[in-house]
């Protein structure tokens, strides 16, 4: 058909169908979302059933985050197989919205860990918690406002959250009072790898994704067909799987706190200022 593109790479060439007309036109994208979706589910199973007793709250939250992220990616994979880009946009946006909800889990976990590692910085962590809760409505608004570029929005958000998670875990690795956990440095490095995969996919979407079909992928440095998505998703999945592996093999003796300490300090100080009483958490046993 006239809408098909013949894409050459080196000595070989391939025909890429128009993704705005044909379902599964980018086979690399279809494979990518099924791969990372199933991989996230397998990671959640490992987190759930691995015989490690450390950090129960962290494990439960990570398990839920991986399950949600896997559901979102699998939903988007089904969309690419069953519909073209136009007809499947609403379902694809639903899958990306589920992924954004899972990112909220990772964002709050990262802030919770940082609050445990760097105690005393209550105003900073209170601000971080507020920003974490503003993240979800903000990114969902961008996702639907810029629906034609929602893949770039979603992958950019995933890269930012994974990089923030990596920075907080690097802080865990460098904290002197934590005994054990010598694998936390490599674990943080794996999270950087995961973030780089999402950033790579966001940066190459307009060059190698469906928007590039109009000019037959002339600026794409890879073969057309969505293989940029496969590469970026593979890096993201490998980063998260190796992170979980490093953490479970050498888990640190710490966990996230709920409700956050910053909230308790802020609410307690306000109560103390207005009522002239000592914060209940500081009273000795039997004093009440």
Protein backbone atom coordinates (compact mmCIF):
# COMPACT_ATOMS: atom_id res chain seq x y z
CA UNK A 1 0.00 0.00 0.00
CA UNK A 2 1.06 3.63 -0.55
CA UNK A 3 0.99 4.26 3.20
CA UNK A 4 3.68 1.62 3.84
CA UNK A 5 7.32 2.60 4.24
CA UNK A 6 10.36 0.72 3.01
CA UNK A 7 12.98 1.30 5.68
CA UNK A 8 16.60 0.47 4.97
CA UNK A 9 19.28 -0.16 7.57
CA UNK A 10 22.67 -1.10 6.21
CA UNK A 11 22.35 -3.77 3.53
CA UNK A 12 18.86 -4.85 4.60
CA UNK A 13 15.44 -3.25 4.33
CA UNK A 14 11.96 -3.92 5.67
CA UNK A 15 8.42 -2.77 5.02
CA UNK A 16 6.74 -0.96 7.91
CA UNK A 17 2.98 -0.57 7.78
CA UNK A 18 1.25 2.62 8.82
CA UNK A 19 0.51 2.31 12.58
CA UNK A 20 -2.35 4.80 12.21
CA UNK A 21 -4.10 2.35 9.87
CA UNK A 22 -2.94 -1.16 10.79
CA UNK A 23 -2.91 -2.87 14.20
CA UNK A 24 0.43 -4.35 15.30
CA UNK A 25 2.27 -2.34 12.64
CA UNK A 26 5.19 -1.85 15.02
CA UNK A 27 5.96 -5.38 16.15
CA UNK A 28 8.83 -4.18 18.33
CA UNK A 29 6.47 -2.02 20.38
CA UNK A 30 4.01 -4.90 20.83
CA UNK A 31 6.78 -7.22 22.00
CA UNK A 32 8.21 -4.53 24.29
CA UNK A 33 5.05 -3.94 26.30
CA UNK A 34 4.28 -7.64 26.68
CA UNK A 35 7.88 -8.31 27.73
CA UNK A 36 8.02 -5.60 30.39
CA UNK A 37 4.47 -6.32 31.60
CA UNK A 38 5.15 -10.02 32.17
CA UNK A 39 8.56 -9.18 33.63
CA UNK A 40 7.01 -6.80 36.16
CA UNK A 41 4.54 -9.50 37.22
CA UNK A 42 7.36 -12.01 37.66
CA UNK A 43 9.26 -9.45 39.72
CA UNK A 44 6.19 -8.96 41.92
CA UNK A 45 5.96 -12.73 42.47
CA UNK A 46 9.62 -12.84 43.51
CA UNK A 47 9.05 -9.96 45.92
CA UNK A 48 5.98 -11.67 47.37
CA UNK A 49 7.38 -15.15 47.89
CA UNK A 50 11.13 -14.70 48.35
CA UNK A 51 12.17 -15.97 51.82
CA UNK A 52 13.38 -12.59 53.08
CA UNK A 53 11.84 -11.12 56.23
CA UNK A 54 13.37 -7.63 56.12
CA UNK A 55 11.36 -4.48 55.35
CA UNK A 56 7.79 -5.86 55.18
CA UNK A 57 6.14 -2.51 54.33
CA UNK A 58 8.67 -1.82 51.59
CA UNK A 59 8.17 -5.28 50.10
CA UNK A 60 4.38 -4.99 50.07
CA UNK A 61 4.44 -1.56 48.46
CA UNK A 62 7.01 -2.65 45.85
CA UNK A 63 4.92 -5.72 45.06
CA UNK A 64 1.82 -3.57 44.49
CA UNK A 65 3.81 -1.12 42.37
CA UNK A 66 5.21 -3.88 40.14
CA UNK A 67 1.79 -5.48 39.72
CA UNK A 68 0.19 -2.18 38.73
CA UNK A 69 2.99 -1.29 36.35
CA UNK A 70 2.75 -4.74 34.76
CA UNK A 71 -1.02 -4.35 34.29
CA UNK A 72 -0.54 -1.00 32.60
CA UNK A 73 2.10 -2.27 30.20
CA UNK A 74 0.15 -5.42 29.33
CA UNK A 75 -2.96 -3.33 28.67
CA UNK A 76 -0.98 -1.15 26.31
CA UNK A 77 0.49 -4.21 24.61
CA UNK A 78 -3.00 -5.59 23.97
CA UNK A 79 -3.99 -2.19 22.59
CA UNK A 80 -1.14 -2.17 20.07
CA UNK A 81 -1.99 -5.70 18.91
CA UNK A 82 -5.76 -5.19 18.60
CA UNK A 83 -6.07 -1.58 17.41
CA UNK A 84 -4.28 1.00 15.35
CA UNK A 85 -2.94 4.20 16.90
CA UNK A 86 -6.16 6.16 16.41
CA UNK A 87 -8.74 3.56 17.42
CA UNK A 88 -6.78 2.33 20.41
CA UNK A 89 -5.81 5.71 21.85
CA UNK A 90 -8.38 5.65 24.68
CA UNK A 91 -7.36 2.16 25.83
CA UNK A 92 -3.67 3.02 25.52
CA UNK A 93 -4.22 6.10 27.69
CA UNK A 94 -5.91 3.88 30.28
CA UNK A 95 -2.86 1.63 30.39
CA UNK A 96 -0.51 4.58 30.70
CA UNK A 97 -2.67 6.01 33.50
CA UNK A 98 -2.29 2.73 35.43
CA UNK A 99 1.49 2.99 34.98
CA UNK A 100 1.37 6.55 36.37
CA UNK A 101 -0.46 5.28 39.47
CA UNK A 102 2.29 2.69 39.97
CA UNK A 103 4.90 5.46 39.67
CA UNK A 104 3.16 7.25 42.53
CA UNK A 105 3.96 4.20 44.71
CA UNK A 106 7.63 4.39 43.74
CA UNK A 107 7.75 8.13 44.35
CA UNK A 108 6.28 7.91 47.84
CA UNK A 109 8.51 4.94 48.71
CA UNK A 110 11.60 6.89 47.67
CA UNK A 111 10.59 9.85 49.83
CA UNK A 112 9.77 7.54 52.74
CA UNK A 113 13.20 5.90 52.54
CA UNK A 114 14.96 9.25 52.37
CA UNK A 115 13.06 10.42 55.43
CA UNK A 116 14.35 7.43 57.38
CA UNK A 117 17.95 7.87 56.20
CA UNK A 118 18.20 11.64 56.67
CA UNK A 119 16.25 12.36 59.84
CA UNK A 120 15.67 15.87 61.10
CA UNK A 121 15.05 17.52 57.71
CA UNK A 122 11.31 17.76 58.36
CA UNK A 123 10.50 20.80 56.19
CA UNK A 124 12.35 19.29 53.22
CA UNK A 125 10.58 15.95 53.49
CA UNK A 126 7.19 17.58 54.14
CA UNK A 127 7.69 19.50 50.89
CA UNK A 128 8.72 16.27 49.14
CA UNK A 129 5.59 14.50 50.37
CA UNK A 130 3.39 17.33 49.12
CA UNK A 131 5.15 17.24 45.73
CA UNK A 132 4.67 13.46 45.62
CA UNK A 133 0.92 13.81 46.06
CA UNK A 134 0.77 16.57 43.43
CA UNK A 135 2.68 14.36 40.98
CA UNK A 136 -0.21 12.05 40.16
CA UNK A 137 -2.88 14.64 39.21
CA UNK A 138 -0.23 16.69 37.42
CA UNK A 139 1.13 13.89 35.25
CA UNK A 140 -2.34 12.49 34.53
CA UNK A 141 -3.44 15.94 33.37
CA UNK A 142 -0.44 16.16 31.03
CA UNK A 143 -1.14 12.63 29.80
CA UNK A 144 -4.65 13.49 28.65
CA UNK A 145 -3.96 17.08 27.56
CA UNK A 146 -1.13 15.93 25.29
CA UNK A 147 -2.72 12.63 24.33
CA UNK A 148 -1.04 12.51 20.91
CA UNK A 149 2.33 12.60 22.69
CA UNK A 150 1.27 10.56 25.71
CA UNK A 151 3.98 7.93 25.17
CA UNK A 152 6.66 10.61 25.52
CA UNK A 153 4.92 12.04 28.59
CA UNK A 154 4.54 8.62 30.25
CA UNK A 155 8.10 7.48 29.57
CA UNK A 156 9.56 10.81 30.69
CA UNK A 157 7.62 10.55 33.96
CA UNK A 158 8.81 6.96 34.44
CA UNK A 159 12.41 8.02 33.86
CA UNK A 160 12.18 10.89 36.35
CA UNK A 161 10.64 8.70 39.08
CA UNK A 162 13.11 5.85 38.52
CA UNK A 163 16.02 8.32 38.68
CA UNK A 164 14.67 9.86 41.89
CA UNK A 165 14.30 6.35 43.32
CA UNK A 166 17.93 5.63 42.29
CA UNK A 167 19.18 8.79 44.01
CA UNK A 168 17.41 7.93 47.25
CA UNK A 169 18.74 4.36 47.13
CA UNK A 170 22.26 5.70 46.54
CA UNK A 171 21.77 7.66 49.77
CA UNK A 172 20.85 4.40 51.51
CA UNK A 173 24.03 2.82 50.16
CA UNK A 174 26.21 5.67 51.49
CA UNK A 175 24.63 5.88 54.96
CA UNK A 176 27.14 4.77 57.57
CA UNK A 177 24.68 3.68 60.27
CA UNK A 178 23.11 1.03 58.02
CA UNK A 179 24.86 -2.29 58.64
CA UNK A 180 24.86 -4.79 55.81
CA UNK A 181 23.31 -3.96 52.51
CA UNK A 182 26.63 -3.87 50.61
CA UNK A 183 24.72 -4.55 47.38
CA UNK A 184 22.85 -1.26 47.60
CA UNK A 185 25.41 0.56 45.45
CA UNK A 186 24.92 -1.82 42.50
CA UNK A 187 21.15 -1.74 43.16
CA UNK A 188 21.15 2.06 42.77
CA UNK A 189 23.13 1.65 39.55
CA UNK A 190 20.48 -0.73 38.22
CA UNK A 191 17.80 1.87 38.91
CA UNK A 192 19.81 4.39 36.88
CA UNK A 193 19.81 1.81 34.07
CA UNK A 194 16.02 1.53 34.36
CA UNK A 195 15.64 5.31 34.22
CA UNK A 196 17.92 5.53 31.17
CA UNK A 197 15.72 2.99 29.35
CA UNK A 198 12.62 5.12 29.89
CA UNK A 199 14.44 8.32 28.91
CA UNK A 200 15.77 6.60 25.77
CA UNK A 201 12.26 5.58 24.74
CA UNK A 202 10.88 9.08 25.37
CA UNK A 203 13.72 10.71 23.40
CA UNK A 204 13.38 8.43 20.37
CA UNK A 205 9.57 8.24 20.15
CA UNK A 206 9.25 11.09 17.64
CA UNK A 207 12.21 9.78 15.61
CA UNK A 208 11.32 6.08 15.48
CA UNK A 209 7.74 5.78 16.75
CA UNK A 210 4.40 6.28 14.97
CA UNK A 211 4.89 10.07 14.46
CA UNK A 212 7.96 9.28 12.32
CA UNK A 213 5.96 7.22 9.81
CA UNK A 214 4.97 10.37 7.90
CA UNK A 215 8.56 10.80 6.67
CA UNK A 216 9.35 7.06 6.60
CA UNK A 217 11.62 7.16 9.66
CA UNK A 218 14.35 9.08 7.83
CA UNK A 219 15.83 10.42 11.10
CA UNK A 220 15.60 7.10 12.96
CA UNK A 221 18.99 5.48 13.62
CA UNK A 222 17.31 2.09 14.14
CA UNK A 223 15.15 0.01 11.87
CA UNK A 224 11.51 1.09 11.96
CA UNK A 225 8.87 -1.04 13.58
CA UNK A 226 9.09 0.08 17.18
CA UNK A 227 12.40 -1.53 18.08
CA UNK A 228 13.40 1.61 19.94
CA UNK A 229 10.58 0.74 22.36
CA UNK A 230 11.90 -2.79 22.71
CA UNK A 231 15.40 -1.54 23.55
CA UNK A 232 14.21 1.08 26.05
CA UNK A 233 11.71 -1.26 27.73
CA UNK A 234 14.33 -4.02 27.98
CA UNK A 235 16.76 -1.69 29.75
CA UNK A 236 14.01 -0.56 32.12
CA UNK A 237 12.95 -4.11 32.93
CA UNK A 238 16.52 -5.36 33.42
CA UNK A 239 17.24 -2.45 35.74
CA UNK A 240 14.24 -3.16 37.96
CA UNK A 241 14.76 -6.92 38.02
CA UNK A 242 18.44 -6.63 38.98
CA UNK A 243 17.60 -3.98 41.57
CA UNK A 244 15.14 -6.34 43.25
CA UNK A 245 17.66 -9.18 43.03
CA UNK A 246 20.45 -7.15 44.66
CA UNK A 247 18.12 -5.90 47.38
CA UNK A 248 16.70 -9.31 48.26
CA UNK A 249 20.15 -10.91 48.33
CA UNK A 250 21.43 -8.31 50.80
CA UNK A 251 18.43 -6.53 52.32
CA UNK A 252 19.07 -3.54 54.58
CA UNK A 253 17.63 -3.54 58.13
CA UNK A 254 15.32 -0.59 57.55
CA UNK A 255 11.77 0.05 56.40
CA UNK A 256 9.57 2.96 55.38
CA UNK A 257 7.31 4.54 57.99
CA UNK A 258 3.62 5.27 57.62
CA UNK A 259 2.37 7.85 58.42
CA UNK A 260 5.49 9.87 57.50
CA UNK A 261 7.59 11.32 60.28
CA UNK A 262 7.45 14.76 58.68
CA UNK A 263 3.67 14.77 59.04
CA UNK A 264 3.88 13.73 62.67
CA UNK A 265 6.46 16.41 63.43
CA UNK A 266 4.47 19.12 61.66
CA UNK A 267 1.12 18.18 63.23
CA UNK A 268 2.72 17.65 66.66
CA UNK A 269 4.49 21.02 66.61
CA UNK A 270 1.27 22.80 65.63
CA UNK A 271 -0.62 21.08 68.43
CA UNK A 272 2.10 21.95 70.91
CA UNK A 273 2.16 25.60 69.85
CA UNK A 274 -1.62 26.01 70.11
CA UNK A 275 -2.29 23.98 73.24
CA UNK A 276 0.97 24.25 75.16
CA UNK A 277 1.36 20.50 75.58
CA UNK A 278 4.21 18.12 74.97
CA UNK A 279 4.00 15.92 71.88
CA UNK A 280 2.52 12.58 73.02
CA UNK A 281 5.28 10.56 71.35
CA UNK A 282 7.86 12.15 73.71
CA UNK A 283 6.08 11.35 76.98
CA UNK A 284 7.65 8.62 79.16
CA UNK A 285 5.68 5.38 79.68
CA UNK A 286 2.89 5.79 82.25
CA UNK A 287 3.05 9.60 82.21
CA UNK A 288 -0.43 9.86 80.74
